[in-house]
Amino acid sequence: DLQIYVAAHETQREKALRRAQNEAAIARQKLAACRQLELRADEENK
């Protein structure tokens, strides 16, 4: 019964960690896209 609990808990933890990593990757991509837009806007203004 403890093996079941620990294995299920670890599986849930790994899913949450993967979800957080995916969300962080998406946020980094959005940030990079925003920075690209800012750079283009700055270049156009110059």
ModelCIF file with pLDDT and N, C-alpha, C, O atoms, coordinates in Angstrom:
data_MODEL
#
_entry.id   MODEL 
#
_entity.id                         1 
_entity.type                       polymer 
_entity.pdbx_number_of_molecules   1 
#
_entity_poly.entity_id                      1 
_entity_poly.type                           'polypeptide(L)' 
_entity_poly.nstd_linkage                   no 
_entity_poly.nstd_monomer                   no 
_entity_poly.pdbx_seq_one_letter_code       DLQIYVAAHETQREKALRRAQNEAAIARQKLAACRQLELRADEENK 
_entity_poly.pdbx_seq_one_letter_code_can   DLQIYVAAHETQREKALRRAQNEAAIARQKLAACRQLELRADEENK 
_entity_poly.pdbx_strand_id                 A 
#
loop_
_entity_poly_seq.entity_id 
_entity_poly_seq.num 
_entity_poly_seq.mon_id 
_entity_poly_seq.hetero 
1 1  ASP n 
1 2  LEU n 
1 3  GLN n 
1 4  ILE n 
1 5  TYR n 
1 6  VAL n 
1 7  ALA n 
1 8  ALA n 
1 9  HIS n 
1 10 GLU n 
1 11 THR n 
1 12 GLN n 
1 13 ARG n 
1 14 GLU n 
1 15 LYS n 
1 16 ALA n 
1 17 LEU n 
1 18 ARG n 
1 19 ARG n 
1 20 ALA n 
1 21 GLN n 
1 22 ASN n 
1 23 GLU n 
1 24 ALA n 
1 25 ALA n 
1 26 ILE n 
1 27 ALA n 
1 28 ARG n 
1 29 GLN n 
1 30 LYS n 
1 31 LEU n 
1 32 ALA n 
1 33 ALA n 
1 34 CYS n 
1 35 ARG n 
1 36 GLN n 
1 37 LEU n 
1 38 GLU n 
1 39 LEU n 
1 40 ARG n 
1 41 ALA n 
1 42 ASP n 
1 43 GLU n 
1 44 GLU n 
1 45 ASN n 
1 46 LYS n 
#
_struct_asym.id          A 
_struct_asym.entity_id   1 
#
loop_
_ma_qa_metric.id 
_ma_qa_metric.mode 
_ma_qa_metric.name 
_ma_qa_metric.software_group_id 
_ma_qa_metric.type 
1 global pLDDT . pLDDT 
2 local  pLDDT . pLDDT 
#
_ma_qa_metric_global.metric_id      1 
_ma_qa_metric_global.metric_value   88.76 
_ma_qa_metric_global.model_id       1 
_ma_qa_metric_global.ordinal_id     1 
#
loop_
_ma_qa_metric_local.label_asym_id 
_ma_qa_metric_local.label_comp_id 
_ma_qa_metric_local.label_seq_id 
_ma_qa_metric_local.metric_id 
_ma_qa_metric_local.metric_value 
_ma_qa_metric_local.model_id 
_ma_qa_metric_local.ordinal_id 
A ASP 1  2 85.00 1 1  
A LEU 2  2 87.00 1 2  
A GLN 3  2 88.00 1 3  
A ILE 4  2 89.00 1 4  
A TYR 5  2 92.00 1 5  
A VAL 6  2 90.00 1 6  
A ALA 7  2 89.00 1 7  
A ALA 8  2 90.00 1 8  
A HIS 9  2 92.00 1 9  
A GLU 10 2 90.00 1 10 
A THR 11 2 88.00 1 11 
A GLN 12 2 91.00 1 12 
A ARG 13 2 90.00 1 13 
A GLU 14 2 90.00 1 14 
A LYS 15 2 91.00 1 15 
A ALA 16 2 90.00 1 16 
A LEU 17 2 90.00 1 17 
A ARG 18 2 91.00 1 18 
A ARG 19 2 93.00 1 19 
A ALA 20 2 92.00 1 20 
A GLN 21 2 93.00 1 21 
A ASN 22 2 93.00 1 22 
A GLU 23 2 93.00 1 23 
A ALA 24 2 92.00 1 24 
A ALA 25 2 93.00 1 25 
A ILE 26 2 93.00 1 26 
A ALA 27 2 91.00 1 27 
A ARG 28 2 94.00 1 28 
A GLN 29 2 93.00 1 29 
A LYS 30 2 91.00 1 30 
A LEU 31 2 91.00 1 31 
A ALA 32 2 91.00 1 32 
A ALA 33 2 89.00 1 33 
A CYS 34 2 89.00 1 34 
A ARG 35 2 90.00 1 35 
A GLN 36 2 90.00 1 36 
A LEU 37 2 87.00 1 37 
A GLU 38 2 87.00 1 38 
A LEU 39 2 86.00 1 39 
A ARG 40 2 85.00 1 40 
A ALA 41 2 82.00 1 41 
A ASP 42 2 79.00 1 42 
A GLU 43 2 80.00 1 43 
A GLU 44 2 78.00 1 44 
A ASN 45 2 78.00 1 45 
A LYS 46 2 77.00 1 46 
#
loop_
_atom_site.group_PDB 
_atom_site.id 
_atom_site.type_symbol 
_atom_site.label_atom_id 
_atom_site.label_alt_id 
_atom_site.label_comp_id 
_atom_site.label_asym_id 
_atom_site.label_entity_id 
_atom_site.label_seq_id 
_atom_site.pdbx_PDB_ins_code 
_atom_site.Cartn_x 
_atom_site.Cartn_y 
_atom_site.Cartn_z 
_atom_site.occupancy 
_atom_site.B_iso_or_equiv 
_atom_site.pdbx_formal_charge 
_atom_site.auth_seq_id 
_atom_site.auth_comp_id 
_atom_site.auth_asym_id 
_atom_site.auth_atom_id 
_atom_site.pdbx_PDB_model_num 
ATOM 1   N N  . ASP A 1 1  ? 0.820  -1.210 0.000   1.00 85.00 ? 1  ASP A N  1 
ATOM 2   C CA . ASP A 1 1  ? 0.000  0.000  0.000   1.00 85.00 ? 1  ASP A CA 1 
ATOM 3   C C  . ASP A 1 1  ? 0.856  1.263  0.000   1.00 85.00 ? 1  ASP A C  1 
ATOM 4   O O  . ASP A 1 1  ? 0.461  2.272  -0.583  1.00 85.00 ? 1  ASP A O  1 
ATOM 5   N N  . LEU A 1 2  ? 2.013  1.225  0.639   1.00 87.00 ? 2  LEU A N  1 
ATOM 6   C CA . LEU A 1 2  ? 2.914  2.377  0.596   1.00 87.00 ? 2  LEU A CA 1 
ATOM 7   C C  . LEU A 1 2  ? 3.580  2.514  -0.770  1.00 87.00 ? 2  LEU A C  1 
ATOM 8   O O  . LEU A 1 2  ? 3.800  3.628  -1.246  1.00 87.00 ? 2  LEU A O  1 
ATOM 9   N N  . GLN A 1 3  ? 3.900  1.394  -1.397  1.00 88.00 ? 3  GLN A N  1 
ATOM 10  C CA . GLN A 1 3  ? 4.465  1.449  -2.751  1.00 88.00 ? 3  GLN A CA 1 
ATOM 11  C C  . GLN A 1 3  ? 3.478  2.125  -3.705  1.00 88.00 ? 3  GLN A C  1 
ATOM 12  O O  . GLN A 1 3  ? 3.864  2.968  -4.515  1.00 88.00 ? 3  GLN A O  1 
ATOM 13  N N  . ILE A 1 4  ? 2.220  1.751  -3.601  1.00 89.00 ? 4  ILE A N  1 
ATOM 14  C CA . ILE A 1 4  ? 1.194  2.359  -4.461  1.00 89.00 ? 4  ILE A CA 1 
ATOM 15  C C  . ILE A 1 4  ? 1.133  3.859  -4.221  1.00 89.00 ? 4  ILE A C  1 
ATOM 16  O O  . ILE A 1 4  ? 1.118  4.645  -5.169  1.00 89.00 ? 4  ILE A O  1 
ATOM 17  N N  . TYR A 1 5  ? 1.098  4.256  -2.950  1.00 92.00 ? 5  TYR A N  1 
ATOM 18  C CA . TYR A 1 5  ? 0.993  5.671  -2.620  1.00 92.00 ? 5  TYR A CA 1 
ATOM 19  C C  . TYR A 1 5  ? 2.203  6.455  -3.130  1.00 92.00 ? 5  TYR A C  1 
ATOM 20  O O  . TYR A 1 5  ? 2.051  7.495  -3.772  1.00 92.00 ? 5  TYR A O  1 
ATOM 21  N N  . VAL A 1 6  ? 3.396  5.953  -2.842  1.00 90.00 ? 6  VAL A N  1 
ATOM 22  C CA . VAL A 1 6  ? 4.617  6.657  -3.245  1.00 90.00 ? 6  VAL A CA 1 
ATOM 23  C C  . VAL A 1 6  ? 4.723  6.737  -4.768  1.00 90.00 ? 6  VAL A C  1 
ATOM 24  O O  . VAL A 1 6  ? 5.055  7.789  -5.314  1.00 90.00 ? 6  VAL A O  1 
ATOM 25  N N  . ALA A 1 7  ? 4.444  5.633  -5.448  1.00 89.00 ? 7  ALA A N  1 
ATOM 26  C CA . ALA A 1 7  ? 4.531  5.630  -6.914  1.00 89.00 ? 7  ALA A CA 1 
ATOM 27  C C  . ALA A 1 7  ? 3.524  6.599  -7.518  1.00 89.00 ? 7  ALA A C  1 
ATOM 28  O O  . ALA A 1 7  ? 3.860  7.333  -8.447  1.00 89.00 ? 7  ALA A O  1 
ATOM 29  N N  . ALA A 1 8  ? 2.296  6.614  -7.008  1.00 90.00 ? 8  ALA A N  1 
ATOM 30  C CA . ALA A 1 8  ? 1.276  7.537  -7.525  1.00 90.00 ? 8  ALA A CA 1 
ATOM 31  C C  . ALA A 1 8  ? 1.660  8.986  -7.233  1.00 90.00 ? 8  ALA A C  1 
ATOM 32  O O  . ALA A 1 8  ? 1.488  9.862  -8.080  1.00 90.00 ? 8  ALA A O  1 
ATOM 33  N N  . HIS A 1 9  ? 2.173  9.229  -6.044  1.00 92.00 ? 9  HIS A N  1 
ATOM 34  C CA . HIS A 1 9  ? 2.584  10.585 -5.666  1.00 92.00 ? 9  HIS A CA 1 
ATOM 35  C C  . HIS A 1 9  ? 3.718  11.071 -6.563  1.00 92.00 ? 9  HIS A C  1 
ATOM 36  O O  . HIS A 1 9  ? 3.705  12.212 -7.023  1.00 92.00 ? 9  HIS A O  1 
ATOM 37  N N  . GLU A 1 10 ? 4.684  10.214 -6.806  1.00 90.00 ? 10 GLU A N  1 
ATOM 38  C CA . GLU A 1 10 ? 5.817  10.592 -7.666  1.00 90.00 ? 10 GLU A CA 1 
ATOM 39  C C  . GLU A 1 10 ? 5.367  10.819 -9.110  1.00 90.00 ? 10 GLU A C  1 
ATOM 40  O O  . GLU A 1 10 ? 5.860  11.729 -9.776  1.00 90.00 ? 10 GLU A O  1 
ATOM 41  N N  . THR A 1 11 ? 4.442  10.005 -9.590  1.00 88.00 ? 11 THR A N  1 
ATOM 42  C CA . THR A 1 11 ? 3.913  10.186 -10.944 1.00 88.00 ? 11 THR A CA 1 
ATOM 43  C C  . THR A 1 11 ? 3.208  11.536 -11.048 1.00 88.00 ? 11 THR A C  1 
ATOM 44  O O  . THR A 1 11 ? 3.393  12.268 -12.020 1.00 88.00 ? 11 THR A O  1 
ATOM 45  N N  . GLN A 1 12 ? 2.402  11.857 -10.046 1.00 91.00 ? 12 GLN A N  1 
ATOM 46  C CA . GLN A 1 12 ? 1.698  13.147 -10.019 1.00 91.00 ? 12 GLN A CA 1 
ATOM 47  C C  . GLN A 1 12 ? 2.695  14.303 -9.955  1.00 91.00 ? 12 GLN A C  1 
ATOM 48  O O  . GLN A 1 12 ? 2.521  15.318 -10.629 1.00 91.00 ? 12 GLN A O  1 
ATOM 49  N N  . ARG A 1 13 ? 3.736  14.144 -9.145  1.00 90.00 ? 13 ARG A N  1 
ATOM 50  C CA . ARG A 1 13 ? 4.756  15.186 -9.020  1.00 90.00 ? 13 ARG A CA 1 
ATOM 51  C C  . ARG A 1 13 ? 5.482  15.393 -10.349 1.00 90.00 ? 13 ARG A C  1 
ATOM 52  O O  . ARG A 1 13 ? 5.742  16.527 -10.749 1.00 90.00 ? 13 ARG A O  1 
ATOM 53  N N  . GLU A 1 14 ? 5.806  14.297 -11.029 1.00 90.00 ? 14 GLU A N  1 
ATOM 54  C CA . GLU A 1 14 ? 6.491  14.406 -12.322 1.00 90.00 ? 14 GLU A CA 1 
ATOM 55  C C  . GLU A 1 14 ? 5.607  15.098 -13.358 1.00 90.00 ? 14 GLU A C  1 
ATOM 56  O O  . GLU A 1 14 ? 6.099  15.896 -14.156 1.00 90.00 ? 14 GLU A O  1 
ATOM 57  N N  . LYS A 1 15 ? 4.309  14.800 -13.352 1.00 91.00 ? 15 LYS A N  1 
ATOM 58  C CA . LYS A 1 15 ? 3.386  15.465 -14.281 1.00 91.00 ? 15 LYS A CA 1 
ATOM 59  C C  . LYS A 1 15 ? 3.327  16.963 -13.999 1.00 91.00 ? 15 LYS A C  1 
ATOM 60  O O  . LYS A 1 15 ? 3.354  17.777 -14.922 1.00 91.00 ? 15 LYS A O  1 
ATOM 61  N N  . ALA A 1 16 ? 3.247  17.318 -12.732 1.00 90.00 ? 16 ALA A N  1 
ATOM 62  C CA . ALA A 1 16 ? 3.201  18.742 -12.364 1.00 90.00 ? 16 ALA A CA 1 
ATOM 63  C C  . ALA A 1 16 ? 4.505  19.436 -12.759 1.00 90.00 ? 16 ALA A C  1 
ATOM 64  O O  . ALA A 1 16 ? 4.485  20.576 -13.224 1.00 90.00 ? 16 ALA A O  1 
ATOM 65  N N  . LEU A 1 17 ? 5.615  18.764 -12.579 1.00 90.00 ? 17 LEU A N  1 
ATOM 66  C CA . LEU A 1 17 ? 6.913  19.333 -12.945 1.00 90.00 ? 17 LEU A CA 1 
ATOM 67  C C  . LEU A 1 17 ? 7.001  19.528 -14.454 1.00 90.00 ? 17 LEU A C  1 
ATOM 68  O O  . LEU A 1 17 ? 7.446  20.577 -14.920 1.00 90.00 ? 17 LEU A O  1 
ATOM 69  N N  . ARG A 1 18 ? 6.580  18.523 -15.218 1.00 91.00 ? 18 ARG A N  1 
ATOM 70  C CA . ARG A 1 18 ? 6.583  18.655 -16.683 1.00 91.00 ? 18 ARG A CA 1 
ATOM 71  C C  . ARG A 1 18 ? 5.670  19.784 -17.141 1.00 91.00 ? 18 ARG A C  1 
ATOM 72  O O  . ARG A 1 18 ? 6.021  20.542 -18.045 1.00 91.00 ? 18 ARG A O  1 
ATOM 73  N N  . ARG A 1 19 ? 4.498  19.897 -16.517 1.00 93.00 ? 19 ARG A N  1 
ATOM 74  C CA . ARG A 1 19 ? 3.562  20.967 -16.862 1.00 93.00 ? 19 ARG A CA 1 
ATOM 75  C C  . ARG A 1 19 ? 4.197  22.327 -16.589 1.00 93.00 ? 19 ARG A C  1 
ATOM 76  O O  . ARG A 1 19 ? 4.093  23.242 -17.406 1.00 93.00 ? 19 ARG A O  1 
ATOM 77  N N  . ALA A 1 20 ? 4.853  22.456 -15.438 1.00 92.00 ? 20 ALA A N  1 
ATOM 78  C CA . ALA A 1 20 ? 5.509  23.719 -15.094 1.00 92.00 ? 20 ALA A CA 1 
ATOM 79  C C  . ALA A 1 20 ? 6.644  24.025 -16.060 1.00 92.00 ? 20 ALA A C  1 
ATOM 80  O O  . ALA A 1 20 ? 6.835  25.177 -16.448 1.00 92.00 ? 20 ALA A O  1 
ATOM 81  N N  . GLN A 1 21 ? 7.394  23.005 -16.448 1.00 93.00 ? 21 GLN A N  1 
ATOM 82  C CA . GLN A 1 21 ? 8.481  23.215 -17.410 1.00 93.00 ? 21 GLN A CA 1 
ATOM 83  C C  . GLN A 1 21 ? 7.929  23.643 -18.769 1.00 93.00 ? 21 GLN A C  1 
ATOM 84  O O  . GLN A 1 21 ? 8.503  24.517 -19.420 1.00 93.00 ? 21 GLN A O  1 
ATOM 85  N N  . ASN A 1 22 ? 6.837  23.048 -19.199 1.00 93.00 ? 22 ASN A N  1 
ATOM 86  C CA . ASN A 1 22 ? 6.219  23.431 -20.467 1.00 93.00 ? 22 ASN A CA 1 
ATOM 87  C C  . ASN A 1 22 ? 5.695  24.866 -20.417 1.00 93.00 ? 22 ASN A C  1 
ATOM 88  O O  . ASN A 1 22 ? 5.862  25.632 -21.366 1.00 93.00 ? 22 ASN A O  1 
ATOM 89  N N  . GLU A 1 23 ? 5.059  25.219 -19.296 1.00 93.00 ? 23 GLU A N  1 
ATOM 90  C CA . GLU A 1 23 ? 4.564  26.588 -19.149 1.00 93.00 ? 23 GLU A CA 1 
ATOM 91  C C  . GLU A 1 23 ? 5.712  27.589 -19.143 1.00 93.00 ? 23 GLU A C  1 
ATOM 92  O O  . GLU A 1 23 ? 5.597  28.673 -19.714 1.00 93.00 ? 23 GLU A O  1 
ATOM 93  N N  . ALA A 1 24 ? 6.812  27.229 -18.503 1.00 92.00 ? 24 ALA A N  1 
ATOM 94  C CA . ALA A 1 24 ? 7.984  28.119 -18.485 1.00 92.00 ? 24 ALA A CA 1 
ATOM 95  C C  . ALA A 1 24 ? 8.569  28.265 -19.885 1.00 92.00 ? 24 ALA A C  1 
ATOM 96  O O  . ALA A 1 24 ? 8.994  29.353 -20.271 1.00 92.00 ? 24 ALA A O  1 
ATOM 97  N N  . ALA A 1 25 ? 8.591  27.174 -20.645 1.00 93.00 ? 25 ALA A N  1 
ATOM 98  C CA . ALA A 1 25 ? 9.117  27.242 -22.014 1.00 93.00 ? 25 ALA A CA 1 
ATOM 99  C C  . ALA A 1 25 ? 8.239  28.138 -22.882 1.00 93.00 ? 25 ALA A C  1 
ATOM 100 O O  . ALA A 1 25 ? 8.750  28.923 -23.681 1.00 93.00 ? 25 ALA A O  1 
ATOM 101 N N  . ILE A 1 26 ? 6.937  28.026 -22.730 1.00 93.00 ? 26 ILE A N  1 
ATOM 102 C CA . ILE A 1 26 ? 6.017  28.876 -23.495 1.00 93.00 ? 26 ILE A CA 1 
ATOM 103 C C  . ILE A 1 26 ? 6.204  30.342 -23.105 1.00 93.00 ? 26 ILE A C  1 
ATOM 104 O O  . ILE A 1 26 ? 6.210  31.224 -23.963 1.00 93.00 ? 26 ILE A O  1 
ATOM 105 N N  . ALA A 1 27 ? 6.357  30.594 -21.807 1.00 91.00 ? 27 ALA A N  1 
ATOM 106 C CA . ALA A 1 27 ? 6.578  31.973 -21.342 1.00 91.00 ? 27 ALA A CA 1 
ATOM 107 C C  . ALA A 1 27 ? 7.887  32.524 -21.904 1.00 91.00 ? 27 ALA A C  1 
ATOM 108 O O  . ALA A 1 27 ? 7.946  33.690 -22.292 1.00 91.00 ? 27 ALA A O  1 
ATOM 109 N N  . ARG A 1 28 ? 8.937  31.701 -21.953 1.00 94.00 ? 28 ARG A N  1 
ATOM 110 C CA . ARG A 1 28 ? 10.216 32.154 -22.526 1.00 94.00 ? 28 ARG A CA 1 
ATOM 111 C C  . ARG A 1 28 ? 10.061 32.471 -24.011 1.00 94.00 ? 28 ARG A C  1 
ATOM 112 O O  . ARG A 1 28 ? 10.625 33.449 -24.502 1.00 94.00 ? 28 ARG A O  1 
ATOM 113 N N  . GLN A 1 29 ? 9.299  31.648 -24.721 1.00 93.00 ? 29 GLN A N  1 
ATOM 114 C CA . GLN A 1 29 ? 9.069  31.897 -26.150 1.00 93.00 ? 29 GLN A CA 1 
ATOM 115 C C  . GLN A 1 29 ? 8.301  33.209 -26.359 1.00 93.00 ? 29 GLN A C  1 
ATOM 116 O O  . GLN A 1 29 ? 8.620  33.988 -27.258 1.00 93.00 ? 29 GLN A O  1 
ATOM 117 N N  . LYS A 1 30 ? 7.291  33.441 -25.524 1.00 91.00 ? 30 LYS A N  1 
ATOM 118 C CA . LYS A 1 30 ? 6.524  34.688 -25.633 1.00 91.00 ? 30 LYS A CA 1 
ATOM 119 C C  . LYS A 1 30 ? 7.404  35.887 -25.317 1.00 91.00 ? 30 LYS A C  1 
ATOM 120 O O  . LYS A 1 30 ? 7.310  36.921 -25.977 1.00 91.00 ? 30 LYS A O  1 
ATOM 121 N N  . LEU A 1 31 ? 8.260  35.750 -24.306 1.00 91.00 ? 31 LEU A N  1 
ATOM 122 C CA . LEU A 1 31 ? 9.162  36.833 -23.949 1.00 91.00 ? 31 LEU A CA 1 
ATOM 123 C C  . LEU A 1 31 ? 10.136 37.112 -25.082 1.00 91.00 ? 31 LEU A C  1 
ATOM 124 O O  . LEU A 1 31 ? 10.410 38.269 -25.403 1.00 91.00 ? 31 LEU A O  1 
ATOM 125 N N  . ALA A 1 32 ? 10.658 36.053 -25.684 1.00 91.00 ? 32 ALA A N  1 
ATOM 126 C CA . ALA A 1 32 ? 11.581 36.236 -26.808 1.00 91.00 ? 32 ALA A CA 1 
ATOM 127 C C  . ALA A 1 32 ? 10.869 36.909 -27.977 1.00 91.00 ? 32 ALA A C  1 
ATOM 128 O O  . ALA A 1 32 ? 11.447 37.771 -28.638 1.00 91.00 ? 32 ALA A O  1 
ATOM 129 N N  . ALA A 1 33 ? 9.621  36.525 -28.238 1.00 89.00 ? 33 ALA A N  1 
ATOM 130 C CA . ALA A 1 33 ? 8.856  37.151 -29.319 1.00 89.00 ? 33 ALA A CA 1 
ATOM 131 C C  . ALA A 1 33 ? 8.603  38.622 -29.019 1.00 89.00 ? 33 ALA A C  1 
ATOM 132 O O  . ALA A 1 33 ? 8.694  39.460 -29.917 1.00 89.00 ? 33 ALA A O  1 
ATOM 133 N N  . CYS A 1 34 ? 8.285  38.947 -27.765 1.00 89.00 ? 34 CYS A N  1 
ATOM 134 C CA . CYS A 1 34 ? 8.073  40.352 -27.380 1.00 89.00 ? 34 CYS A CA 1 
ATOM 135 C C  . CYS A 1 34 ? 9.359  41.153 -27.554 1.00 89.00 ? 34 CYS A C  1 
ATOM 136 O O  . CYS A 1 34 ? 9.333  42.283 -28.041 1.00 89.00 ? 34 CYS A O  1 
ATOM 137 N N  . ARG A 1 35 ? 10.463 40.573 -27.163 1.00 90.00 ? 35 ARG A N  1 
ATOM 138 C CA . ARG A 1 35 ? 11.752 41.268 -27.315 1.00 90.00 ? 35 ARG A CA 1 
ATOM 139 C C  . ARG A 1 35 ? 12.071 41.502 -28.790 1.00 90.00 ? 35 ARG A C  1 
ATOM 140 O O  . ARG A 1 35 ? 12.593 42.555 -29.157 1.00 90.00 ? 35 ARG A O  1 
ATOM 141 N N  . GLN A 1 36 ? 11.757 40.516 -29.635 1.00 90.00 ? 36 GLN A N  1 
ATOM 142 C CA . GLN A 1 36 ? 11.974 40.672 -31.079 1.00 90.00 ? 36 GLN A CA 1 
ATOM 143 C C  . GLN A 1 36 ? 11.140 41.834 -31.613 1.00 90.00 ? 36 GLN A C  1 
ATOM 144 O O  . GLN A 1 36 ? 11.621 42.643 -32.406 1.00 90.00 ? 36 GLN A O  1 
ATOM 145 N N  . LEU A 1 37 ? 9.885  41.907 -31.168 1.00 87.00 ? 37 LEU A N  1 
ATOM 146 C CA . LEU A 1 37 ? 9.023  43.009 -31.607 1.00 87.00 ? 37 LEU A CA 1 
ATOM 147 C C  . LEU A 1 37 ? 9.565  44.352 -31.143 1.00 87.00 ? 37 LEU A C  1 
ATOM 148 O O  . LEU A 1 37 ? 9.552  45.328 -31.893 1.00 87.00 ? 37 LEU A O  1 
ATOM 149 N N  . GLU A 1 38 ? 10.042 44.397 -29.902 1.00 87.00 ? 38 GLU A N  1 
ATOM 150 C CA . GLU A 1 38 ? 10.617 45.650 -29.379 1.00 87.00 ? 38 GLU A CA 1 
ATOM 151 C C  . GLU A 1 38 ? 11.848 46.058 -30.188 1.00 87.00 ? 38 GLU A C  1 
ATOM 152 O O  . GLU A 1 38 ? 12.026 47.230 -30.519 1.00 87.00 ? 38 GLU A O  1 
ATOM 153 N N  . LEU A 1 39 ? 12.701 45.067 -30.503 1.00 86.00 ? 39 LEU A N  1 
ATOM 154 C CA . LEU A 1 39 ? 13.897 45.366 -31.291 1.00 86.00 ? 39 LEU A CA 1 
ATOM 155 C C  . LEU A 1 39 ? 13.520 45.903 -32.673 1.00 86.00 ? 39 LEU A C  1 
ATOM 156 O O  . LEU A 1 39 ? 14.110 46.871 -33.154 1.00 86.00 ? 39 LEU A O  1 
ATOM 157 N N  . ARG A 1 40 ? 12.547 45.276 -33.296 1.00 85.00 ? 40 ARG A N  1 
ATOM 158 C CA . ARG A 1 40 ? 12.110 45.739 -34.615 1.00 85.00 ? 40 ARG A CA 1 
ATOM 159 C C  . ARG A 1 40 ? 11.528 47.150 -34.530 1.00 85.00 ? 40 ARG A C  1 
ATOM 160 O O  . ARG A 1 40 ? 11.796 48.009 -35.370 1.00 85.00 ? 40 ARG A O  1 
ATOM 161 N N  . ALA A 1 41 ? 10.723 47.357 -33.488 1.00 82.00 ? 41 ALA A N  1 
ATOM 162 C CA . ALA A 1 41 ? 10.129 48.686 -33.313 1.00 82.00 ? 41 ALA A CA 1 
ATOM 163 C C  . ALA A 1 41 ? 11.217 49.727 -33.091 1.00 82.00 ? 41 ALA A C  1 
ATOM 164 O O  . ALA A 1 41 ? 11.153 50.817 -33.658 1.00 82.00 ? 41 ALA A O  1 
ATOM 165 N N  . ASP A 1 42 ? 12.225 49.402 -32.264 1.00 79.00 ? 42 ASP A N  1 
ATOM 166 C CA . ASP A 1 42 ? 13.342 50.323 -32.024 1.00 79.00 ? 42 ASP A CA 1 
ATOM 167 C C  . ASP A 1 42 ? 14.098 50.598 -33.323 1.00 79.00 ? 42 ASP A C  1 
ATOM 168 O O  . ASP A 1 42 ? 14.450 51.742 -33.608 1.00 79.00 ? 42 ASP A O  1 
ATOM 169 N N  . GLU A 1 43 ? 14.347 49.555 -34.105 1.00 80.00 ? 43 GLU A N  1 
ATOM 170 C CA . GLU A 1 43 ? 15.061 49.716 -35.378 1.00 80.00 ? 43 GLU A CA 1 
ATOM 171 C C  . GLU A 1 43 ? 14.253 50.576 -36.344 1.00 80.00 ? 43 GLU A C  1 
ATOM 172 O O  . GLU A 1 43 ? 14.819 51.414 -37.046 1.00 80.00 ? 43 GLU A O  1 
ATOM 173 N N  . GLU A 1 44 ? 12.929 50.378 -36.387 1.00 78.00 ? 44 GLU A N  1 
ATOM 174 C CA . GLU A 1 44 ? 12.086 51.179 -37.258 1.00 78.00 ? 44 GLU A CA 1 
ATOM 175 C C  . GLU A 1 44 ? 12.076 52.635 -36.813 1.00 78.00 ? 44 GLU A C  1 
ATOM 176 O O  . GLU A 1 44 ? 12.108 53.543 -37.644 1.00 78.00 ? 44 GLU A O  1 
ATOM 177 N N  . ASN A 1 45 ? 12.030 52.857 -35.491 1.00 78.00 ? 45 ASN A N  1 
ATOM 178 C CA . ASN A 1 45 ? 12.052 54.224 -34.969 1.00 78.00 ? 45 ASN A CA 1 
ATOM 179 C C  . ASN A 1 45 ? 13.372 54.911 -35.311 1.00 78.00 ? 45 ASN A C  1 
ATOM 180 O O  . ASN A 1 45 ? 13.390 56.084 -35.684 1.00 78.00 ? 45 ASN A O  1 
ATOM 181 N N  . LYS A 1 46 ? 14.476 54.175 -35.182 1.00 77.00 ? 46 LYS A N  1 
ATOM 182 C CA . LYS A 1 46 ? 15.786 54.746 -35.522 1.00 77.00 ? 46 LYS A CA 1 
ATOM 183 C C  . LYS A 1 46 ? 15.861 55.029 -37.012 1.00 77.00 ? 46 LYS A C  1 
ATOM 184 O O  . LYS A 1 46 ? 16.883 55.513 -37.498 1.00 77.00 ? 46 LYS A O  1 
#
